[in-house]
Amino acid sequence: MEAKAIAKTLRVSPIKARLVIDLIRGKEVSTALNILNNMNNKSARLAKKVLDSAVSNAVNNFGMDKDTLFVSEARVDAGPVLKRHMFDSRSHIGHKDKRTSHIVIVVSNK
């Protein structure tokens, strides 16, 4: 049995979020939460929220035991890009793309 949680259009770059998500993929939920609690960046805080939501979905909707859950799938997809412009040298327009992410975490029983 699997339970899933998705957070869409988060204002963090997918490249930075993938560094965090790679650390928790395949781990038990308690170990993954310890890893995310001890990291000090925005991606870890967002991933912790999604992981908590996935665990809550598993416990409340499917009646799974929290102690037997592990992260079976964790991925970061690229979301829409907010394209911003700024003035550059010699009357050119520079680009400042603000990237967003979709974080998907799936937990399942052992």
N, C-alpha and C. Protein backbone atom coordinates (compact mmCIF):
# COMPACT_ATOMS: atom_id res chain seq x y z
N MET A 1 0.85 -1.17 0.00
CA MET A 1 0.00 0.00 0.00
C MET A 1 0.90 1.24 0.00
N GLU A 2 0.51 2.24 -0.75
CA GLU A 2 1.29 3.46 -0.86
C GLU A 2 0.44 4.68 -0.55
N ALA A 3 1.08 5.69 -0.01
CA ALA A 3 0.44 6.98 0.22
C ALA A 3 1.36 8.05 -0.36
N LYS A 4 0.75 9.08 -0.94
CA LYS A 4 1.51 10.07 -1.68
C LYS A 4 1.17 11.48 -1.21
N ALA A 5 2.14 12.37 -1.30
CA ALA A 5 1.91 13.80 -1.04
C ALA A 5 2.70 14.59 -2.08
N ILE A 6 2.07 15.65 -2.57
CA ILE A 6 2.68 16.50 -3.59
C ILE A 6 2.58 17.95 -3.15
N ALA A 7 3.67 18.68 -3.29
CA ALA A 7 3.65 20.13 -3.08
C ALA A 7 4.06 20.77 -4.40
N LYS A 8 3.22 21.63 -4.91
CA LYS A 8 3.47 22.21 -6.23
C LYS A 8 3.86 23.68 -6.14
N THR A 9 4.60 24.12 -7.11
CA THR A 9 5.01 25.51 -7.31
C THR A 9 5.70 26.10 -6.09
N LEU A 10 6.67 25.37 -5.56
CA LEU A 10 7.45 25.87 -4.43
C LEU A 10 8.57 26.75 -4.94
N ARG A 11 8.82 27.85 -4.26
CA ARG A 11 9.82 28.81 -4.72
C ARG A 11 11.22 28.41 -4.27
N VAL A 12 11.66 27.29 -4.79
CA VAL A 12 13.04 26.86 -4.60
C VAL A 12 13.48 26.19 -5.90
N SER A 13 14.72 26.34 -6.25
CA SER A 13 15.23 25.79 -7.49
C SER A 13 15.22 24.26 -7.44
N PRO A 14 14.83 23.60 -8.53
CA PRO A 14 14.82 22.14 -8.53
C PRO A 14 16.19 21.52 -8.29
N ILE A 15 17.24 22.18 -8.74
CA ILE A 15 18.59 21.66 -8.54
C ILE A 15 18.93 21.63 -7.05
N LYS A 16 18.59 22.68 -6.32
CA LYS A 16 18.86 22.73 -4.89
C LYS A 16 17.98 21.76 -4.12
N ALA A 17 16.73 21.60 -4.56
CA ALA A 17 15.82 20.69 -3.86
C ALA A 17 16.22 19.23 -4.09
N ARG A 18 16.76 18.90 -5.25
CA ARG A 18 17.17 17.52 -5.53
C ARG A 18 18.32 17.08 -4.64
N LEU A 19 19.18 18.01 -4.23
CA LEU A 19 20.27 17.67 -3.33
C LEU A 19 19.74 17.13 -2.00
N VAL A 20 18.64 17.70 -1.53
CA VAL A 20 18.04 17.27 -0.26
C VAL A 20 17.26 15.98 -0.45
N ILE A 21 16.47 15.90 -1.51
CA ILE A 21 15.60 14.75 -1.74
C ILE A 21 16.43 13.49 -1.96
N ASP A 22 17.60 13.62 -2.57
CA ASP A 22 18.45 12.45 -2.79
C ASP A 22 18.92 11.82 -1.49
N LEU A 23 18.99 12.61 -0.42
CA LEU A 23 19.45 12.08 0.87
C LEU A 23 18.41 11.20 1.55
N ILE A 24 17.12 11.41 1.28
CA ILE A 24 16.09 10.67 2.02
C ILE A 24 15.47 9.55 1.20
N ARG A 25 15.76 9.45 -0.08
CA ARG A 25 15.15 8.42 -0.92
C ARG A 25 15.56 7.03 -0.45
N GLY A 26 14.55 6.16 -0.20
CA GLY A 26 14.81 4.79 0.22
C GLY A 26 15.01 4.59 1.71
N LYS A 27 15.00 5.65 2.49
CA LYS A 27 15.23 5.54 3.92
C LYS A 27 13.91 5.32 4.68
N GLU A 28 14.01 4.87 5.91
CA GLU A 28 12.84 4.79 6.78
C GLU A 28 12.38 6.21 7.12
N VAL A 29 11.10 6.33 7.48
CA VAL A 29 10.53 7.66 7.71
C VAL A 29 11.21 8.34 8.90
N SER A 30 11.47 7.60 9.97
CA SER A 30 12.09 8.21 11.14
C SER A 30 13.50 8.70 10.82
N THR A 31 14.25 7.93 10.06
CA THR A 31 15.60 8.35 9.65
C THR A 31 15.54 9.57 8.73
N ALA A 32 14.59 9.55 7.80
CA ALA A 32 14.45 10.68 6.87
C ALA A 32 14.08 11.96 7.61
N LEU A 33 13.19 11.85 8.62
CA LEU A 33 12.82 13.03 9.39
C LEU A 33 14.01 13.56 10.18
N ASN A 34 14.84 12.66 10.73
CA ASN A 34 16.04 13.11 11.45
C ASN A 34 17.00 13.83 10.52
N ILE A 35 17.16 13.33 9.31
CA ILE A 35 18.05 13.98 8.34
C ILE A 35 17.53 15.38 8.01
N LEU A 36 16.22 15.48 7.75
CA LEU A 36 15.65 16.78 7.36
C LEU A 36 15.64 17.77 8.52
N ASN A 37 15.45 17.28 9.75
CA ASN A 37 15.45 18.18 10.90
C ASN A 37 16.83 18.78 11.16
N ASN A 38 17.89 18.06 10.79
CA ASN A 38 19.23 18.53 11.07
C ASN A 38 19.85 19.32 9.91
N MET A 39 19.10 19.53 8.85
CA MET A 39 19.59 20.35 7.75
C MET A 39 19.02 21.75 7.88
N ASN A 40 19.84 22.73 7.54
CA ASN A 40 19.43 24.12 7.71
C ASN A 40 19.33 24.81 6.36
N ASN A 41 18.33 24.41 5.55
CA ASN A 41 18.07 25.15 4.33
C ASN A 41 16.59 25.05 3.98
N LYS A 42 16.17 25.87 3.06
CA LYS A 42 14.76 25.98 2.72
C LYS A 42 14.24 24.69 2.10
N SER A 43 15.03 24.03 1.28
CA SER A 43 14.59 22.80 0.64
C SER A 43 14.28 21.72 1.67
N ALA A 44 15.07 21.65 2.72
CA ALA A 44 14.84 20.64 3.76
C ALA A 44 13.54 20.93 4.51
N ARG A 45 13.26 22.19 4.77
CA ARG A 45 12.02 22.53 5.47
C ARG A 45 10.80 22.19 4.62
N LEU A 46 10.87 22.46 3.32
CA LEU A 46 9.75 22.15 2.44
C LEU A 46 9.58 20.64 2.27
N ALA A 47 10.69 19.92 2.14
CA ALA A 47 10.62 18.47 1.99
C ALA A 47 10.07 17.82 3.26
N LYS A 48 10.38 18.38 4.43
CA LYS A 48 9.86 17.84 5.68
C LYS A 48 8.35 18.00 5.75
N LYS A 49 7.83 19.12 5.28
CA LYS A 49 6.39 19.32 5.25
C LYS A 49 5.70 18.29 4.35
N VAL A 50 6.30 18.04 3.18
CA VAL A 50 5.71 17.07 2.26
C VAL A 50 5.79 15.66 2.84
N LEU A 51 6.90 15.33 3.48
CA LEU A 51 7.04 14.01 4.09
C LEU A 51 6.04 13.82 5.22
N ASP A 52 5.86 14.84 6.05
CA ASP A 52 4.86 14.76 7.12
C ASP A 52 3.46 14.56 6.55
N SER A 53 3.16 15.23 5.46
CA SER A 53 1.86 15.08 4.83
C SER A 53 1.66 13.68 4.27
N ALA A 54 2.70 13.11 3.67
CA ALA A 54 2.60 11.75 3.13
C ALA A 54 2.40 10.73 4.24
N VAL A 55 3.09 10.92 5.36
CA VAL A 55 2.92 10.01 6.50
C VAL A 55 1.53 10.14 7.08
N SER A 56 1.02 11.35 7.19
CA SER A 56 -0.33 11.56 7.70
C SER A 56 -1.37 10.93 6.77
N ASN A 57 -1.16 11.05 5.46
CA ASN A 57 -2.06 10.41 4.52
C ASN A 57 -2.05 8.89 4.69
N ALA A 58 -0.88 8.32 4.92
CA ALA A 58 -0.78 6.88 5.08
C ALA A 58 -1.48 6.41 6.35
N VAL A 59 -1.29 7.16 7.43
CA VAL A 59 -1.87 6.75 8.71
C VAL A 59 -3.38 6.97 8.73
N ASN A 60 -3.84 8.12 8.28
CA ASN A 60 -5.25 8.46 8.38
C ASN A 60 -6.11 7.82 7.30
N ASN A 61 -5.63 7.80 6.07
CA ASN A 61 -6.45 7.31 4.97
C ASN A 61 -6.38 5.80 4.78
N PHE A 62 -5.21 5.20 5.06
CA PHE A 62 -5.02 3.79 4.77
C PHE A 62 -4.77 2.95 6.01
N GLY A 63 -4.67 3.57 7.17
CA GLY A 63 -4.50 2.83 8.42
C GLY A 63 -3.15 2.13 8.54
N MET A 64 -2.13 2.65 7.92
CA MET A 64 -0.80 2.05 8.01
C MET A 64 -0.14 2.42 9.34
N ASP A 65 0.83 1.61 9.74
CA ASP A 65 1.59 1.88 10.95
C ASP A 65 2.76 2.80 10.62
N LYS A 66 2.92 3.86 11.39
CA LYS A 66 3.95 4.86 11.09
C LYS A 66 5.36 4.29 11.22
N ASP A 67 5.53 3.30 12.11
CA ASP A 67 6.87 2.75 12.35
C ASP A 67 7.37 1.87 11.21
N THR A 68 6.48 1.37 10.36
CA THR A 68 6.90 0.47 9.28
C THR A 68 6.99 1.17 7.93
N LEU A 69 6.84 2.47 7.90
CA LEU A 69 6.85 3.20 6.63
C LEU A 69 8.27 3.55 6.21
N PHE A 70 8.49 3.56 4.89
CA PHE A 70 9.74 4.06 4.35
C PHE A 70 9.44 4.86 3.09
N VAL A 71 10.39 5.68 2.68
CA VAL A 71 10.23 6.55 1.52
C VAL A 71 10.52 5.72 0.27
N SER A 72 9.47 5.31 -0.42
CA SER A 72 9.66 4.46 -1.60
C SER A 72 9.97 5.27 -2.84
N GLU A 73 9.46 6.50 -2.91
CA GLU A 73 9.73 7.35 -4.06
C GLU A 73 9.82 8.79 -3.59
N ALA A 74 10.82 9.49 -4.05
CA ALA A 74 10.96 10.92 -3.74
C ALA A 74 11.58 11.57 -4.97
N ARG A 75 10.89 12.55 -5.51
CA ARG A 75 11.42 13.21 -6.70
C ARG A 75 11.06 14.69 -6.69
N VAL A 76 11.83 15.43 -7.47
CA VAL A 76 11.60 16.86 -7.63
C VAL A 76 11.47 17.13 -9.12
N ASP A 77 10.34 17.68 -9.50
CA ASP A 77 10.10 18.05 -10.89
C ASP A 77 10.17 19.57 -11.02
N ALA A 78 10.53 20.03 -12.19
CA ALA A 78 10.60 21.47 -12.43
C ALA A 78 9.19 22.02 -12.61
N GLY A 79 8.93 23.14 -11.95
CA GLY A 79 7.65 23.82 -12.08
C GLY A 79 7.76 24.97 -13.06
N PRO A 80 6.76 25.82 -13.08
CA PRO A 80 6.82 26.97 -13.97
C PRO A 80 7.92 27.94 -13.57
N VAL A 81 8.46 28.62 -14.55
CA VAL A 81 9.56 29.56 -14.32
C VAL A 81 9.01 30.98 -14.36
N LEU A 82 9.28 31.75 -13.32
CA LEU A 82 8.90 33.16 -13.30
C LEU A 82 10.03 33.95 -13.96
N LYS A 83 9.76 34.51 -15.11
CA LYS A 83 10.80 35.19 -15.87
C LYS A 83 10.79 36.67 -15.55
N ARG A 84 11.87 37.14 -14.98
CA ARG A 84 12.02 38.53 -14.60
C ARG A 84 13.15 39.14 -15.41
N HIS A 85 13.02 40.45 -15.69
CA HIS A 85 14.03 41.15 -16.48
C HIS A 85 14.64 42.26 -15.63
N MET A 86 15.90 42.54 -15.94
CA MET A 86 16.57 43.66 -15.29
C MET A 86 17.49 44.32 -16.31
N PHE A 87 17.76 45.57 -16.07
CA PHE A 87 18.61 46.30 -16.99
C PHE A 87 20.05 45.86 -16.81
N ASP A 88 20.71 45.68 -17.95
CA ASP A 88 22.09 45.22 -17.96
C ASP A 88 22.95 46.33 -18.56
N SER A 89 24.20 46.04 -18.75
CA SER A 89 25.09 47.06 -19.28
C SER A 89 24.80 47.33 -20.76
N ARG A 90 25.15 48.48 -21.21
CA ARG A 90 25.02 48.91 -22.61
C ARG A 90 23.59 48.80 -23.11
N SER A 91 22.63 49.14 -22.28
CA SER A 91 21.21 49.18 -22.63
C SER A 91 20.63 47.82 -23.02
N HIS A 92 21.22 46.76 -22.55
CA HIS A 92 20.69 45.43 -22.80
C HIS A 92 19.76 45.04 -21.65
N ILE A 93 18.93 44.05 -21.93
CA ILE A 93 18.04 43.51 -20.90
C ILE A 93 18.61 42.18 -20.44
N GLY A 94 18.84 42.05 -19.15
CA GLY A 94 19.30 40.78 -18.58
C GLY A 94 18.12 39.98 -18.07
N HIS A 95 18.32 38.69 -17.95
CA HIS A 95 17.25 37.81 -17.49
C HIS A 95 17.57 37.29 -16.10
N LYS A 96 16.56 37.24 -15.25
CA LYS A 96 16.68 36.67 -13.91
C LYS A 96 15.52 35.71 -13.76
N ASP A 97 15.73 34.44 -14.11
CA ASP A 97 14.68 33.44 -14.04
C ASP A 97 14.55 32.92 -12.61
N LYS A 98 13.34 32.95 -12.10
CA LYS A 98 13.07 32.45 -10.76
C LYS A 98 12.37 31.11 -10.91
N ARG A 99 13.08 30.04 -10.61
CA ARG A 99 12.59 28.69 -10.86
C ARG A 99 11.75 28.18 -9.69
N THR A 100 10.79 27.30 -10.02
CA THR A 100 9.95 26.69 -9.00
C THR A 100 10.03 25.17 -9.13
N SER A 101 9.54 24.48 -8.09
CA SER A 101 9.66 23.03 -8.03
C SER A 101 8.34 22.39 -7.63
N HIS A 102 8.17 21.14 -8.03
CA HIS A 102 7.11 20.28 -7.52
C HIS A 102 7.81 19.13 -6.79
N ILE A 103 7.51 18.95 -5.51
CA ILE A 103 8.10 17.87 -4.73
C ILE A 103 7.06 16.77 -4.54
N VAL A 104 7.43 15.53 -4.91
CA VAL A 104 6.54 14.38 -4.78
C VAL A 104 7.23 13.35 -3.88
N ILE A 105 6.53 12.94 -2.81
CA ILE A 105 7.06 11.92 -1.91
C ILE A 105 6.00 10.83 -1.74
N VAL A 106 6.40 9.58 -1.93
CA VAL A 106 5.54 8.42 -1.77
C VAL A 106 6.12 7.55 -0.66
N VAL A 107 5.28 7.19 0.32
CA VAL A 107 5.71 6.28 1.39
C VAL A 107 4.91 4.99 1.26
N SER A 108 5.54 3.89 1.66
CA SER A 108 4.85 2.60 1.60
C SER A 108 5.32 1.71 2.74
N ASN A 109 4.61 0.60 2.93
CA ASN A 109 4.97 -0.37 3.97
C ASN A 109 6.17 -1.18 3.55
N LYS A 110 6.82 -1.77 4.54
CA LYS A 110 7.92 -2.68 4.24
C LYS A 110 7.37 -4.02 3.82
